Amino acid sequence: MQVIDASAIVHAWDNYPIEQFPPFWEWLEDDCKAGRLCIPQPAKDEVGYVSSECARWLQEVGITVLPVTNDVLSDASSIMAALGVTDDQYHPDGVDENDLLIIASSRCHGAVLISNEARQASLPLNKRKYRIPAVCTHVAPPPVSTCWITLSRLEGVLGLCVRRRLIY
């Protein structure tokens, strides 16, 4: 299973319109319907705030929404402590509460997290400045493996769509 972050789906929605890139959206729809692609509730909420049309499409294709359970809350709390965040004092350059809930949802489901965030060139000394890739790699390593799909290289994405169609 793969879990998608709001940044990835909104980036795709804004940059690769369905009318111009139908194979990409067909692949996403197939994965949503088959339960291979899910979205945590906080990410779905973020999508709704940013793009109501994208949120409506996700609803129409039947994406599975992962709820915030006690296990997710507990894992997010552990990650927050490891980052040194106290009293909800997140750093503006790092992850926030929703990011931690999204990471924890991925971890609790043993899923790959797809995010549009790039790796930081060098890790900040202050862990509160870590972004999703750094948190997944250095603070909350497996069971979640992290995959960053930037969607900026269209050929690679569409190539992935074609390969996945042949596999499934």
C-alpha atoms as a PDB file:
ATOM      1  CA  MET A   1       0.000   0.000   0.000  1.00  0.00           C
ATOM      2  CA  GLN A   2       1.058   3.567  -0.663  1.00  0.00           C
ATOM      3  CA  VAL A   3      -0.061   6.631   1.249  1.00  0.00           C
ATOM      4  CA  ILE A   4      -0.120   9.976  -0.530  1.00  0.00           C
ATOM      5  CA  ASP A   5       0.554  13.324   1.075  1.00  0.00           C
ATOM      6  CA  ALA A   6      -1.455  16.410   0.149  1.00  0.00           C
ATOM      7  CA  SER A   7       1.620  18.027  -1.443  1.00  0.00           C
ATOM      8  CA  ALA A   8       1.978  15.249  -4.010  1.00  0.00           C
ATOM      9  CA  ILE A   9      -1.633  15.020  -5.142  1.00  0.00           C
ATOM     10  CA  VAL A  10      -2.156  18.792  -5.231  1.00  0.00           C
ATOM     11  CA  HIS A  11       1.068  19.266  -7.198  1.00  0.00           C
ATOM     12  CA  ALA A  12      -0.110  16.665  -9.709  1.00  0.00           C
ATOM     13  CA  TRP A  13      -3.563  18.241  -9.888  1.00  0.00           C
ATOM     14  CA  ASP A  14      -2.139  21.709 -10.516  1.00  0.00           C
ATOM     15  CA  ASN A  15       0.556  20.698 -13.008  1.00  0.00           C
ATOM     16  CA  TYR A  16      -0.795  17.673 -14.892  1.00  0.00           C
ATOM     17  CA  PRO A  17      -4.445  18.302 -15.834  1.00  0.00           C
ATOM     18  CA  ILE A  18      -6.590  15.227 -16.344  1.00  0.00           C
ATOM     19  CA  GLU A  19      -7.466  16.311 -19.881  1.00  0.00           C
ATOM     20  CA  GLN A  20      -3.804  16.470 -20.908  1.00  0.00           C
ATOM     21  CA  PHE A  21      -2.466  13.447 -18.987  1.00  0.00           C
ATOM     22  CA  PRO A  22      -5.219  10.822 -18.854  1.00  0.00           C
ATOM     23  CA  PRO A  23      -2.883   7.796 -18.394  1.00  0.00           C
ATOM     24  CA  PHE A  24      -1.478   9.289 -15.203  1.00  0.00           C
ATOM     25  CA  TRP A  25      -4.922   9.935 -13.712  1.00  0.00           C
ATOM     26  CA  GLU A  26      -6.226   6.544 -14.861  1.00  0.00           C
ATOM     27  CA  TRP A  27      -3.300   4.918 -13.037  1.00  0.00           C
ATOM     28  CA  LEU A  28      -4.075   6.890  -9.865  1.00  0.00           C
ATOM     29  CA  GLU A  29      -7.770   6.062 -10.143  1.00  0.00           C
ATOM     30  CA  ASP A  30      -7.031   2.354 -10.583  1.00  0.00           C
ATOM     31  CA  ASP A  31      -4.752   2.374  -7.524  1.00  0.00           C
ATOM     32  CA  CYS A  32      -7.350   4.245  -5.462  1.00  0.00           C
ATOM     33  CA  LYS A  33     -10.119   1.830  -6.408  1.00  0.00           C
ATOM     34  CA  ALA A  34      -7.903  -1.187  -5.721  1.00  0.00           C
ATOM     35  CA  GLY A  35      -6.881   0.152  -2.306  1.00  0.00           C
ATOM     36  CA  ARG A  36      -3.221   0.400  -3.285  1.00  0.00           C
ATOM     37  CA  LEU A  37      -3.263   4.192  -2.844  1.00  0.00           C
ATOM     38  CA  CYS A  38      -4.722   5.727   0.311  1.00  0.00           C
ATOM     39  CA  ILE A  39      -4.710   9.133   1.972  1.00  0.00           C
ATOM     40  CA  PRO A  40      -4.581   9.939   5.685  1.00  0.00           C
ATOM     41  CA  GLN A  41      -7.477  12.059   6.976  1.00  0.00           C
ATOM     42  CA  PRO A  42      -5.240  15.093   7.722  1.00  0.00           C
ATOM     43  CA  ALA A  43      -3.884  15.027   4.154  1.00  0.00           C
ATOM     44  CA  LYS A  44      -7.396  14.719   2.711  1.00  0.00           C
ATOM     45  CA  ASP A  45      -8.442  17.728   4.802  1.00  0.00           C
ATOM     46  CA  GLU A  46      -5.456  19.722   3.499  1.00  0.00           C
ATOM     47  CA  VAL A  47      -6.375  18.852  -0.085  1.00  0.00           C
ATOM     48  CA  GLY A  48      -9.908  20.100   0.562  1.00  0.00           C
ATOM     49  CA  TYR A  49      -8.609  23.445   1.830  1.00  0.00           C
ATOM     50  CA  VAL A  50      -6.277  23.913  -1.138  1.00  0.00           C
ATOM     51  CA  SER A  51      -8.245  22.436  -4.045  1.00  0.00           C
ATOM     52  CA  SER A  52     -11.900  21.525  -3.691  1.00  0.00           C
ATOM     53  CA  GLU A  53     -11.869  20.082  -7.232  1.00  0.00           C
ATOM     54  CA  CYS A  54      -9.014  17.703  -6.398  1.00  0.00           C
ATOM     55  CA  ALA A  55     -10.741  16.698  -3.152  1.00  0.00           C
ATOM     56  CA  ARG A  56     -13.937  16.005  -5.098  1.00  0.00           C
ATOM     57  CA  TRP A  57     -12.002  13.843  -7.599  1.00  0.00           C
ATOM     58  CA  LEU A  58     -10.451  11.836  -4.746  1.00  0.00           C
ATOM     59  CA  GLN A  59     -13.938  11.273  -3.332  1.00  0.00           C
ATOM     60  CA  GLU A  60     -15.306  10.230  -6.732  1.00  0.00           C
ATOM     61  CA  VAL A  61     -12.572   7.649  -7.335  1.00  0.00           C
ATOM     62  CA  GLY A  62     -13.129   6.181  -3.891  1.00  0.00           C
ATOM     63  CA  ILE A  63      -9.731   6.687  -2.304  1.00  0.00           C
ATOM     64  CA  THR A  64      -9.492   5.010   1.090  1.00  0.00           C
ATOM     65  CA  VAL A  65      -9.147   7.576   3.856  1.00  0.00           C
ATOM     66  CA  LEU A  66      -7.028   6.424   6.785  1.00  0.00           C
ATOM     67  CA  PRO A  67      -8.469   7.679  10.074  1.00  0.00           C
ATOM     68  CA  VAL A  68      -6.409   9.116  12.899  1.00  0.00           C
ATOM     69  CA  THR A  69      -6.491   6.268  15.402  1.00  0.00           C
ATOM     70  CA  ASN A  70      -5.027   5.973  18.892  1.00  0.00           C
ATOM     71  CA  ASP A  71      -2.051   4.108  17.382  1.00  0.00           C
ATOM     72  CA  VAL A  72      -1.474   6.959  14.926  1.00  0.00           C
ATOM     73  CA  LEU A  73      -1.714   9.547  17.710  1.00  0.00           C
ATOM     74  CA  SER A  74       0.703   7.579  19.871  1.00  0.00           C
ATOM     75  CA  ASP A  75       3.240   7.199  17.059  1.00  0.00           C
ATOM     76  CA  ALA A  76       2.944  10.883  16.122  1.00  0.00           C
ATOM     77  CA  SER A  77       3.530  11.800  19.760  1.00  0.00           C
ATOM     78  CA  SER A  78       6.681   9.655  19.852  1.00  0.00           C
ATOM     79  CA  ILE A  79       7.988  11.293  16.670  1.00  0.00           C
ATOM     80  CA  MET A  80       7.179  14.737  18.074  1.00  0.00           C
ATOM     81  CA  ALA A  81       9.194  13.952  21.214  1.00  0.00           C
ATOM     82  CA  ALA A  82      12.124  12.647  19.140  1.00  0.00           C
ATOM     83  CA  LEU A  83      12.120  15.947  17.221  1.00  0.00           C
ATOM     84  CA  GLY A  84      12.192  17.903  20.458  1.00  0.00           C
ATOM     85  CA  VAL A  85       8.843  19.591  19.854  1.00  0.00           C
ATOM     86  CA  THR A  86       7.207  20.621  23.116  1.00  0.00           C
ATOM     87  CA  ASP A  87       3.979  22.500  23.747  1.00  0.00           C
ATOM     88  CA  ASP A  88       3.173  22.254  20.023  1.00  0.00           C
ATOM     89  CA  GLN A  89       6.021  24.653  19.223  1.00  0.00           C
ATOM     90  CA  TYR A  90       6.742  23.424  15.688  1.00  0.00           C
ATOM     91  CA  HIS A  91       9.406  25.248  13.705  1.00  0.00           C
ATOM     92  CA  PRO A  92       8.022  27.070  10.631  1.00  0.00           C
ATOM     93  CA  ASP A  93      10.762  25.485   8.477  1.00  0.00           C
ATOM     94  CA  GLY A  94       9.982  21.930   9.604  1.00  0.00           C
ATOM     95  CA  VAL A  95       7.124  19.466   9.860  1.00  0.00           C
ATOM     96  CA  ASP A  96       3.900  20.389  11.583  1.00  0.00           C
ATOM     97  CA  GLU A  97       1.264  18.375  13.424  1.00  0.00           C
ATOM     98  CA  ASN A  98      -0.483  17.232  10.235  1.00  0.00           C
ATOM     99  CA  ASP A  99       2.828  16.062   8.762  1.00  0.00           C
ATOM    100  CA  LEU A 100       3.470  13.948  11.852  1.00  0.00           C
ATOM    101  CA  LEU A 101      -0.023  12.449  11.671  1.00  0.00           C
ATOM    102  CA  ILE A 102       0.548  11.632   7.987  1.00  0.00           C
ATOM    103  CA  ILE A 103       3.935  10.019   8.714  1.00  0.00           C
ATOM    104  CA  ALA A 104       2.471   8.096  11.654  1.00  0.00           C
ATOM    105  CA  SER A 105      -0.445   6.882   9.493  1.00  0.00           C
ATOM    106  CA  SER A 106       2.052   5.530   6.968  1.00  0.00           C
ATOM    107  CA  ARG A 107       4.085   3.850   9.701  1.00  0.00           C
ATOM    108  CA  CYS A 108       1.046   2.292  11.380  1.00  0.00           C
ATOM    109  CA  HIS A 109      -0.060   0.786   8.056  1.00  0.00           C
ATOM    110  CA  GLY A 110       3.445  -0.279   6.984  1.00  0.00           C
ATOM    111  CA  ALA A 111       2.976   1.817   3.862  1.00  0.00           C
ATOM    112  CA  VAL A 112       5.205   3.829   1.557  1.00  0.00           C
ATOM    113  CA  LEU A 113       4.646   7.563   1.951  1.00  0.00           C
ATOM    114  CA  ILE A 114       4.532   9.546  -1.283  1.00  0.00           C
ATOM    115  CA  SER A 115       5.336  13.215  -0.785  1.00  0.00           C
ATOM    116  CA  ASN A 116       6.370  16.018  -3.069  1.00  0.00           C
ATOM    117  CA  GLU A 117       8.907  17.289  -0.535  1.00  0.00           C
ATOM    118  CA  ALA A 118      12.535  17.012  -1.586  1.00  0.00           C
ATOM    119  CA  ARG A 119      15.328  15.922   0.723  1.00  0.00           C
ATOM    120  CA  GLN A 120      17.048  18.743   2.541  1.00  0.00           C
ATOM    121  CA  ALA A 121      20.560  19.327   1.162  1.00  0.00           C
ATOM    122  CA  SER A 122      21.975  19.110   4.662  1.00  0.00           C
ATOM    123  CA  LEU A 123      20.212  18.181   7.842  1.00  0.00           C
ATOM    124  CA  PRO A 124      19.673  21.089  10.207  1.00  0.00           C
ATOM    125  CA  LEU A 125      21.152  20.750  13.680  1.00  0.00           C
ATOM    126  CA  ASN A 126      17.740  21.623  15.089  1.00  0.00           C
ATOM    127  CA  LYS A 127      15.550  18.565  14.443  1.00  0.00           C
ATOM    128  CA  ARG A 128      12.457  20.754  14.653  1.00  0.00           C
ATOM    129  CA  LYS A 129      13.517  22.032  11.186  1.00  0.00           C
ATOM    130  CA  TYR A 130      13.369  18.534   9.676  1.00  0.00           C
ATOM    131  CA  ARG A 131      10.935  18.077   6.796  1.00  0.00           C
ATOM    132  CA  ILE A 132       9.053  14.900   5.908  1.00  0.00           C
ATOM    133  CA  PRO A 133      11.938  13.081   4.139  1.00  0.00           C
ATOM    134  CA  ALA A 134      14.350  13.754   7.028  1.00  0.00           C
ATOM    135  CA  VAL A 135      11.811  12.683   9.635  1.00  0.00           C
ATOM    136  CA  CYS A 136      11.062   9.452   7.749  1.00  0.00           C
ATOM    137  CA  THR A 137      14.735   8.660   7.235  1.00  0.00           C
ATOM    138  CA  HIS A 138      16.384   9.812  10.446  1.00  0.00           C
ATOM    139  CA  VAL A 139      13.741  10.125  13.158  1.00  0.00           C
ATOM    140  CA  ALA A 140      11.020   7.626  12.304  1.00  0.00           C
ATOM    141  CA  PRO A 141      12.731   4.991  10.144  1.00  0.00           C
ATOM    142  CA  PRO A 142      11.082   1.715   9.123  1.00  0.00           C
ATOM    143  CA  PRO A 143       8.505   0.257   9.158  1.00  0.00           C
ATOM    144  CA  VAL A 144       7.760   3.110   6.735  1.00  0.00           C
ATOM    145  CA  SER A 145       9.939   3.324   3.691  1.00  0.00           C
ATOM    146  CA  THR A 146       9.779   6.670   2.050  1.00  0.00           C
ATOM    147  CA  CYS A 147       9.317   7.435  -1.596  1.00  0.00           C
ATOM    148  CA  TRP A 148       9.442  10.935  -2.930  1.00  0.00           C
ATOM    149  CA  ILE A 149       7.656  11.439  -6.202  1.00  0.00           C
ATOM    150  CA  THR A 150       8.325  14.988  -7.251  1.00  0.00           C
ATOM    151  CA  LEU A 151       6.211  14.678 -10.388  1.00  0.00           C
ATOM    152  CA  SER A 152       8.487  17.219 -12.016  1.00  0.00           C
ATOM    153  CA  ARG A 153       9.812  14.754 -14.584  1.00  0.00           C
ATOM    154  CA  LEU A 154       6.723  13.882 -16.510  1.00  0.00           C
ATOM    155  CA  GLU A 155       8.398  11.182 -18.586  1.00  0.00           C
ATOM    156  CA  GLY A 156       9.384   9.294 -15.453  1.00  0.00           C
ATOM    157  CA  VAL A 157       5.914   9.532 -13.983  1.00  0.00           C
ATOM    158  CA  LEU A 158       4.172   8.446 -17.160  1.00  0.00           C
ATOM    159  CA  GLY A 159       6.772   5.697 -17.575  1.00  0.00           C
ATOM    160  CA  LEU A 160       5.938   4.545 -14.067  1.00  0.00           C
ATOM    161  CA  CYS A 161       2.260   4.530 -15.001  1.00  0.00           C
ATOM    162  CA  VAL A 162       2.930   2.292 -17.980  1.00  0.00           C
ATOM    163  CA  ARG A 163       5.169  -0.101 -15.987  1.00  0.00           C
ATOM    164  CA  ARG A 164       2.642  -0.355 -13.149  1.00  0.00           C
ATOM    165  CA  ARG A 165      -0.125  -1.160 -15.626  1.00  0.00           C
ATOM    166  CA  LEU A 166       1.934  -4.058 -16.932  1.00  0.00           C
ATOM    167  CA  ILE A 167       2.603  -5.380 -13.409  1.00  0.00           C
ATOM    168  CA  TYR A 168      -0.931  -5.315 -12.029  1.00  0.00           C
END
